[in-house]
N, C-alpha and C. Protein backbone atom coordinates (compact mmCIF):
# COMPACT_ATOMS: atom_id res chain seq x y z
N MET A 1 0.83 -1.15 0.00
CA MET A 1 0.00 0.00 0.00
C MET A 1 0.89 1.23 0.00
N GLY A 2 0.55 2.19 -0.81
CA GLY A 2 1.42 3.34 -0.90
C GLY A 2 0.75 4.49 -1.59
N LYS A 3 1.58 5.41 -2.08
CA LYS A 3 1.07 6.59 -2.77
C LYS A 3 1.53 6.54 -4.22
N ALA A 4 0.64 6.96 -5.10
CA ALA A 4 0.97 7.04 -6.51
C ALA A 4 0.23 8.23 -7.08
N SER A 5 0.95 9.14 -7.68
CA SER A 5 0.29 10.27 -8.28
C SER A 5 -0.19 9.85 -9.66
N VAL A 6 -1.48 9.57 -9.76
CA VAL A 6 -2.06 9.10 -11.00
C VAL A 6 -3.11 10.11 -11.43
N SER A 7 -2.99 10.59 -12.64
CA SER A 7 -3.93 11.56 -13.18
C SER A 7 -5.33 10.97 -13.24
N HIS A 8 -6.31 11.72 -12.73
CA HIS A 8 -7.71 11.28 -12.80
C HIS A 8 -8.12 11.10 -14.26
N GLN A 9 -7.65 12.00 -15.12
CA GLN A 9 -7.99 11.91 -16.54
C GLN A 9 -7.38 10.66 -17.15
N LEU A 10 -6.16 10.33 -16.78
CA LEU A 10 -5.52 9.12 -17.30
C LEU A 10 -6.30 7.87 -16.86
N LEU A 11 -6.74 7.84 -15.60
CA LEU A 11 -7.54 6.71 -15.13
C LEU A 11 -8.86 6.63 -15.91
N ALA A 12 -9.49 7.77 -16.15
CA ALA A 12 -10.75 7.78 -16.90
C ALA A 12 -10.52 7.26 -18.31
N ASN A 13 -9.42 7.69 -18.93
CA ASN A 13 -9.10 7.22 -20.28
C ASN A 13 -8.79 5.73 -20.31
N ALA A 14 -8.29 5.22 -19.19
CA ALA A 14 -7.94 3.80 -19.11
C ALA A 14 -9.16 2.96 -18.76
N GLY A 15 -10.30 3.58 -18.55
CA GLY A 15 -11.53 2.85 -18.28
C GLY A 15 -11.73 2.52 -16.82
N ALA A 16 -11.30 3.38 -15.92
CA ALA A 16 -11.41 3.12 -14.49
C ALA A 16 -12.15 4.25 -13.79
N PRO A 17 -13.48 4.37 -13.97
CA PRO A 17 -14.21 5.42 -13.26
C PRO A 17 -14.25 5.11 -11.77
N PRO A 18 -14.26 6.14 -10.92
CA PRO A 18 -14.28 5.93 -9.47
C PRO A 18 -15.56 5.24 -8.99
N ILE A 19 -15.41 4.51 -7.87
CA ILE A 19 -16.52 3.86 -7.17
C ILE A 19 -16.58 4.45 -5.77
N SER A 20 -17.79 4.75 -5.29
CA SER A 20 -17.97 5.31 -3.95
C SER A 20 -18.27 4.22 -2.93
N PHE A 21 -17.74 4.39 -1.72
CA PHE A 21 -18.02 3.51 -0.59
C PHE A 21 -18.36 4.38 0.62
N GLU A 22 -19.39 3.98 1.36
CA GLU A 22 -19.74 4.68 2.59
C GLU A 22 -18.85 4.20 3.73
N SER A 23 -18.73 5.01 4.76
CA SER A 23 -17.94 4.67 5.94
C SER A 23 -18.34 3.29 6.46
N GLY A 24 -17.36 2.44 6.71
CA GLY A 24 -17.59 1.10 7.23
C GLY A 24 -17.76 0.02 6.18
N ALA A 25 -17.96 0.41 4.93
CA ALA A 25 -18.16 -0.58 3.85
C ALA A 25 -16.86 -1.32 3.55
N VAL A 26 -17.00 -2.62 3.31
CA VAL A 26 -15.84 -3.45 2.94
C VAL A 26 -15.62 -3.32 1.44
N ILE A 27 -14.40 -2.95 1.05
CA ILE A 27 -14.03 -2.83 -0.36
C ILE A 27 -13.62 -4.20 -0.88
N PHE A 28 -12.81 -4.90 -0.11
CA PHE A 28 -12.54 -6.31 -0.36
C PHE A 28 -12.17 -6.98 0.95
N GLN A 29 -12.34 -8.30 0.97
CA GLN A 29 -12.18 -9.09 2.19
C GLN A 29 -10.94 -9.98 2.10
N GLU A 30 -10.21 -10.08 3.20
CA GLU A 30 -9.08 -10.99 3.31
C GLU A 30 -9.52 -12.39 2.87
N GLY A 31 -8.71 -13.03 2.02
CA GLY A 31 -9.01 -14.37 1.54
C GLY A 31 -9.74 -14.42 0.21
N GLU A 32 -10.36 -13.30 -0.20
CA GLU A 32 -11.04 -13.26 -1.49
C GLU A 32 -10.03 -13.30 -2.63
N GLN A 33 -10.49 -13.76 -3.78
CA GLN A 33 -9.66 -13.68 -4.97
C GLN A 33 -9.66 -12.23 -5.42
N GLY A 34 -8.52 -11.71 -5.84
CA GLY A 34 -8.43 -10.31 -6.23
C GLY A 34 -7.96 -10.15 -7.66
N ASP A 35 -8.68 -9.35 -8.43
CA ASP A 35 -8.27 -9.09 -9.81
C ASP A 35 -8.11 -7.59 -10.08
N LYS A 36 -8.13 -6.79 -9.01
CA LYS A 36 -7.98 -5.34 -9.14
C LYS A 36 -7.17 -4.80 -7.98
N MET A 37 -6.52 -3.68 -8.23
CA MET A 37 -5.99 -2.86 -7.16
C MET A 37 -6.77 -1.56 -7.21
N TYR A 38 -6.56 -0.69 -6.24
CA TYR A 38 -7.36 0.53 -6.15
C TYR A 38 -6.48 1.73 -5.83
N VAL A 39 -6.84 2.88 -6.44
CA VAL A 39 -6.24 4.16 -6.09
C VAL A 39 -7.31 4.94 -5.34
N LEU A 40 -6.95 5.44 -4.17
CA LEU A 40 -7.88 6.18 -3.33
C LEU A 40 -7.93 7.63 -3.81
N GLU A 41 -9.09 8.02 -4.33
CA GLU A 41 -9.26 9.37 -4.87
C GLU A 41 -9.61 10.38 -3.78
N SER A 42 -10.43 9.94 -2.81
CA SER A 42 -10.80 10.82 -1.70
C SER A 42 -11.21 9.96 -0.51
N GLY A 43 -11.11 10.53 0.68
CA GLY A 43 -11.48 9.82 1.90
C GLY A 43 -10.32 9.02 2.48
N GLU A 44 -10.66 8.09 3.37
CA GLU A 44 -9.65 7.24 4.01
C GLU A 44 -10.10 5.79 3.99
N VAL A 45 -9.12 4.90 3.88
CA VAL A 45 -9.36 3.45 3.86
C VAL A 45 -8.46 2.81 4.90
N GLU A 46 -9.06 1.89 5.69
CA GLU A 46 -8.29 1.11 6.66
C GLU A 46 -7.93 -0.23 6.04
N ILE A 47 -6.70 -0.65 6.28
CA ILE A 47 -6.25 -1.97 5.86
C ILE A 47 -6.14 -2.81 7.12
N GLU A 48 -6.85 -3.96 7.14
CA GLU A 48 -6.90 -4.83 8.31
C GLU A 48 -6.34 -6.20 7.97
N ILE A 49 -5.59 -6.75 8.91
CA ILE A 49 -5.12 -8.13 8.81
C ILE A 49 -5.58 -8.84 10.08
N ASN A 50 -6.29 -9.94 9.90
CA ASN A 50 -6.86 -10.69 11.03
C ASN A 50 -7.66 -9.78 11.96
N GLY A 51 -8.42 -8.83 11.37
CA GLY A 51 -9.28 -7.95 12.15
C GLY A 51 -8.59 -6.78 12.82
N LYS A 52 -7.26 -6.65 12.64
CA LYS A 52 -6.50 -5.56 13.26
C LYS A 52 -6.09 -4.55 12.19
N VAL A 53 -6.36 -3.27 12.44
CA VAL A 53 -5.98 -2.21 11.50
C VAL A 53 -4.46 -2.08 11.51
N VAL A 54 -3.86 -2.24 10.34
CA VAL A 54 -2.40 -2.15 10.23
C VAL A 54 -1.96 -0.90 9.46
N GLU A 55 -2.91 -0.27 8.76
CA GLU A 55 -2.56 0.93 8.01
C GLU A 55 -3.83 1.71 7.69
N ILE A 56 -3.69 3.03 7.65
CA ILE A 56 -4.78 3.90 7.21
C ILE A 56 -4.27 4.70 6.03
N LEU A 57 -4.95 4.56 4.91
CA LEU A 57 -4.54 5.24 3.69
C LEU A 57 -5.40 6.48 3.45
N SER A 58 -4.79 7.49 2.86
CA SER A 58 -5.52 8.70 2.50
C SER A 58 -5.37 8.94 1.00
N GLU A 59 -5.87 10.08 0.56
CA GLU A 59 -5.90 10.42 -0.85
C GLU A 59 -4.62 10.07 -1.59
N GLU A 60 -4.78 9.51 -2.77
CA GLU A 60 -3.72 9.05 -3.66
C GLU A 60 -3.03 7.79 -3.18
N GLY A 61 -3.47 7.23 -2.05
CA GLY A 61 -2.93 5.95 -1.63
C GLY A 61 -3.43 4.86 -2.55
N PHE A 62 -2.72 3.76 -2.61
CA PHE A 62 -3.22 2.63 -3.38
C PHE A 62 -3.08 1.37 -2.57
N PHE A 63 -3.92 0.39 -2.91
CA PHE A 63 -3.96 -0.84 -2.14
C PHE A 63 -4.52 -1.96 -3.01
N GLY A 64 -4.25 -3.20 -2.60
CA GLY A 64 -4.73 -4.35 -3.35
C GLY A 64 -3.79 -4.79 -4.45
N GLU A 65 -2.60 -4.21 -4.49
CA GLU A 65 -1.67 -4.48 -5.59
C GLU A 65 -1.12 -5.89 -5.58
N MET A 66 -0.95 -6.49 -4.39
CA MET A 66 -0.33 -7.82 -4.33
C MET A 66 -1.19 -8.86 -5.05
N ALA A 67 -2.49 -8.87 -4.80
CA ALA A 67 -3.38 -9.85 -5.43
C ALA A 67 -3.44 -9.63 -6.95
N LEU A 68 -3.39 -8.37 -7.37
CA LEU A 68 -3.40 -8.08 -8.80
C LEU A 68 -2.14 -8.63 -9.47
N ILE A 69 -1.01 -8.43 -8.83
CA ILE A 69 0.26 -8.82 -9.43
C ILE A 69 0.46 -10.33 -9.47
N ASP A 70 0.15 -11.02 -8.35
CA ASP A 70 0.45 -12.46 -8.33
C ASP A 70 -0.77 -13.38 -8.40
N GLY A 71 -1.97 -12.81 -8.39
CA GLY A 71 -3.18 -13.63 -8.52
C GLY A 71 -3.54 -14.43 -7.28
N SER A 72 -2.86 -14.21 -6.17
CA SER A 72 -3.17 -14.91 -4.92
C SER A 72 -4.37 -14.27 -4.23
N PRO A 73 -4.98 -15.00 -3.28
CA PRO A 73 -6.08 -14.40 -2.52
C PRO A 73 -5.61 -13.16 -1.75
N ARG A 74 -6.54 -12.29 -1.43
CA ARG A 74 -6.25 -11.07 -0.68
C ARG A 74 -5.62 -11.41 0.66
N SER A 75 -4.57 -10.68 1.03
CA SER A 75 -3.88 -10.91 2.30
C SER A 75 -4.42 -10.01 3.40
N ALA A 76 -5.34 -9.10 3.06
CA ALA A 76 -5.90 -8.16 4.02
C ALA A 76 -7.31 -7.78 3.61
N THR A 77 -8.00 -7.12 4.52
CA THR A 77 -9.32 -6.55 4.25
C THR A 77 -9.15 -5.04 4.09
N ALA A 78 -9.81 -4.46 3.11
CA ALA A 78 -9.83 -3.01 2.94
C ALA A 78 -11.24 -2.52 3.25
N ARG A 79 -11.32 -1.56 4.18
CA ARG A 79 -12.61 -1.04 4.63
C ARG A 79 -12.58 0.49 4.59
N ALA A 80 -13.65 1.09 4.09
CA ALA A 80 -13.76 2.55 4.07
C ALA A 80 -13.83 3.08 5.50
N LYS A 81 -12.87 3.90 5.89
CA LYS A 81 -12.90 4.52 7.21
C LYS A 81 -13.87 5.71 7.19
N THR A 82 -13.87 6.42 6.08
CA THR A 82 -14.78 7.54 5.85
C THR A 82 -15.43 7.29 4.48
N HIS A 83 -16.39 8.13 4.13
CA HIS A 83 -16.90 8.06 2.75
C HIS A 83 -15.69 8.23 1.84
N CYS A 84 -15.58 7.38 0.83
CA CYS A 84 -14.41 7.48 -0.04
C CYS A 84 -14.78 7.12 -1.48
N GLU A 85 -13.91 7.54 -2.37
CA GLU A 85 -14.00 7.16 -3.78
C GLU A 85 -12.68 6.51 -4.15
N VAL A 86 -12.78 5.36 -4.82
CA VAL A 86 -11.60 4.64 -5.26
C VAL A 86 -11.72 4.34 -6.75
N SER A 87 -10.60 4.35 -7.44
CA SER A 87 -10.57 3.96 -8.84
C SER A 87 -10.00 2.57 -8.94
N PRO A 88 -10.78 1.61 -9.46
CA PRO A 88 -10.27 0.25 -9.61
C PRO A 88 -9.30 0.17 -10.78
N ILE A 89 -8.26 -0.61 -10.59
CA ILE A 89 -7.27 -0.80 -11.65
C ILE A 89 -7.17 -2.28 -11.94
N SER A 90 -7.66 -2.68 -13.11
CA SER A 90 -7.58 -4.07 -13.54
C SER A 90 -6.16 -4.33 -14.06
N GLU A 91 -5.89 -5.57 -14.38
CA GLU A 91 -4.56 -5.90 -14.93
C GLU A 91 -4.33 -5.14 -16.23
N ARG A 92 -5.35 -5.05 -17.07
CA ARG A 92 -5.21 -4.33 -18.34
C ARG A 92 -4.89 -2.86 -18.09
N THR A 93 -5.60 -2.24 -17.14
CA THR A 93 -5.36 -0.84 -16.80
C THR A 93 -3.98 -0.68 -16.18
N PHE A 94 -3.60 -1.61 -15.32
CA PHE A 94 -2.28 -1.58 -14.69
C PHE A 94 -1.19 -1.57 -15.77
N LEU A 95 -1.31 -2.46 -16.75
CA LEU A 95 -0.31 -2.52 -17.83
C LEU A 95 -0.29 -1.23 -18.64
N PHE A 96 -1.47 -0.64 -18.86
CA PHE A 96 -1.56 0.65 -19.55
C PHE A 96 -0.81 1.73 -18.75
N LEU A 97 -1.06 1.77 -17.43
CA LEU A 97 -0.41 2.78 -16.58
C LEU A 97 1.10 2.59 -16.54
N VAL A 98 1.55 1.34 -16.48
CA VAL A 98 2.99 1.07 -16.48
C VAL A 98 3.60 1.57 -17.79
N ASP A 99 2.90 1.34 -18.90
CA ASP A 99 3.40 1.76 -20.20
C ASP A 99 3.42 3.28 -20.33
N GLU A 100 2.34 3.93 -19.88
CA GLU A 100 2.22 5.39 -20.02
C GLU A 100 2.96 6.16 -18.93
N MET A 101 3.10 5.56 -17.74
CA MET A 101 3.70 6.25 -16.60
C MET A 101 4.64 5.31 -15.85
N PRO A 102 5.85 5.12 -16.34
CA PRO A 102 6.76 4.19 -15.67
C PRO A 102 6.96 4.49 -14.18
N HIS A 103 6.82 5.75 -13.76
CA HIS A 103 6.99 6.06 -12.33
C HIS A 103 5.87 5.43 -11.50
N PHE A 104 4.73 5.11 -12.11
CA PHE A 104 3.66 4.41 -11.41
C PHE A 104 4.15 3.02 -11.00
N ALA A 105 4.78 2.30 -11.93
CA ALA A 105 5.32 0.96 -11.63
C ALA A 105 6.38 1.05 -10.54
N LEU A 106 7.23 2.07 -10.61
CA LEU A 106 8.26 2.25 -9.60
C LEU A 106 7.64 2.51 -8.23
N SER A 107 6.56 3.27 -8.20
CA SER A 107 5.87 3.54 -6.94
C SER A 107 5.30 2.26 -6.35
N VAL A 108 4.71 1.41 -7.19
CA VAL A 108 4.19 0.12 -6.71
C VAL A 108 5.33 -0.75 -6.18
N MET A 109 6.45 -0.80 -6.90
CA MET A 109 7.59 -1.59 -6.43
C MET A 109 8.13 -1.07 -5.11
N ARG A 110 8.21 0.24 -4.95
CA ARG A 110 8.69 0.82 -3.69
C ARG A 110 7.77 0.46 -2.54
N THR A 111 6.48 0.45 -2.79
CA THR A 111 5.52 0.08 -1.77
C THR A 111 5.73 -1.38 -1.35
N LEU A 112 5.90 -2.26 -2.32
CA LEU A 112 6.13 -3.68 -2.02
C LEU A 112 7.41 -3.87 -1.21
N VAL A 113 8.46 -3.14 -1.57
CA VAL A 113 9.72 -3.22 -0.83
C VAL A 113 9.52 -2.71 0.60
N ASP A 114 8.78 -1.62 0.75
CA ASP A 114 8.50 -1.07 2.07
C ASP A 114 7.76 -2.10 2.93
N GLN A 115 6.80 -2.79 2.35
CA GLN A 115 6.07 -3.82 3.08
C GLN A 115 7.00 -4.95 3.51
N LEU A 116 7.89 -5.37 2.64
CA LEU A 116 8.85 -6.43 2.98
C LEU A 116 9.78 -5.99 4.12
N ARG A 117 10.25 -4.76 4.05
CA ARG A 117 11.14 -4.25 5.11
C ARG A 117 10.43 -4.21 6.47
N ARG A 118 9.15 -3.77 6.46
CA ARG A 118 8.40 -3.75 7.72
C ARG A 118 8.20 -5.15 8.27
N LEU A 119 7.96 -6.12 7.39
CA LEU A 119 7.83 -7.52 7.85
C LEU A 119 9.15 -8.03 8.40
N ASP A 120 10.26 -7.68 7.74
CA ASP A 120 11.59 -8.09 8.24
C ASP A 120 11.84 -7.56 9.64
N GLU A 121 11.40 -6.33 9.90
CA GLU A 121 11.59 -5.75 11.24
C GLU A 121 10.81 -6.52 12.30
N LEU A 122 9.65 -7.04 11.92
CA LEU A 122 8.83 -7.79 12.86
C LEU A 122 9.42 -9.17 13.17
N VAL A 123 10.15 -9.71 12.22
CA VAL A 123 10.72 -11.06 12.39
C VAL A 123 12.03 -10.99 13.05
């Protein structure tokens, strides 16, 4: 989970209109199959593992990238902390963004590395 400066217009052109969630709504559930990641356009989203909040994301944050990249079940639950809008990014859209904005791919990679480093600290 991290930050990525992604143009709203670029997302719209890539076919990813925002979706609204009310406070408390589950965006995706731990263990579900995931075929999208999300960019947080407005509001806040909580990331939970085993029912415990491990991160709170705000505008321009992104989440759900691991399941999109490797096709594994979701490792966490994403829940709207406040009313929020998120733009879903499918694999096709992800590849478009990587092609059009290489810094987007770098941002995703940095987020994954950050997650690995935090896990290393816990072990």
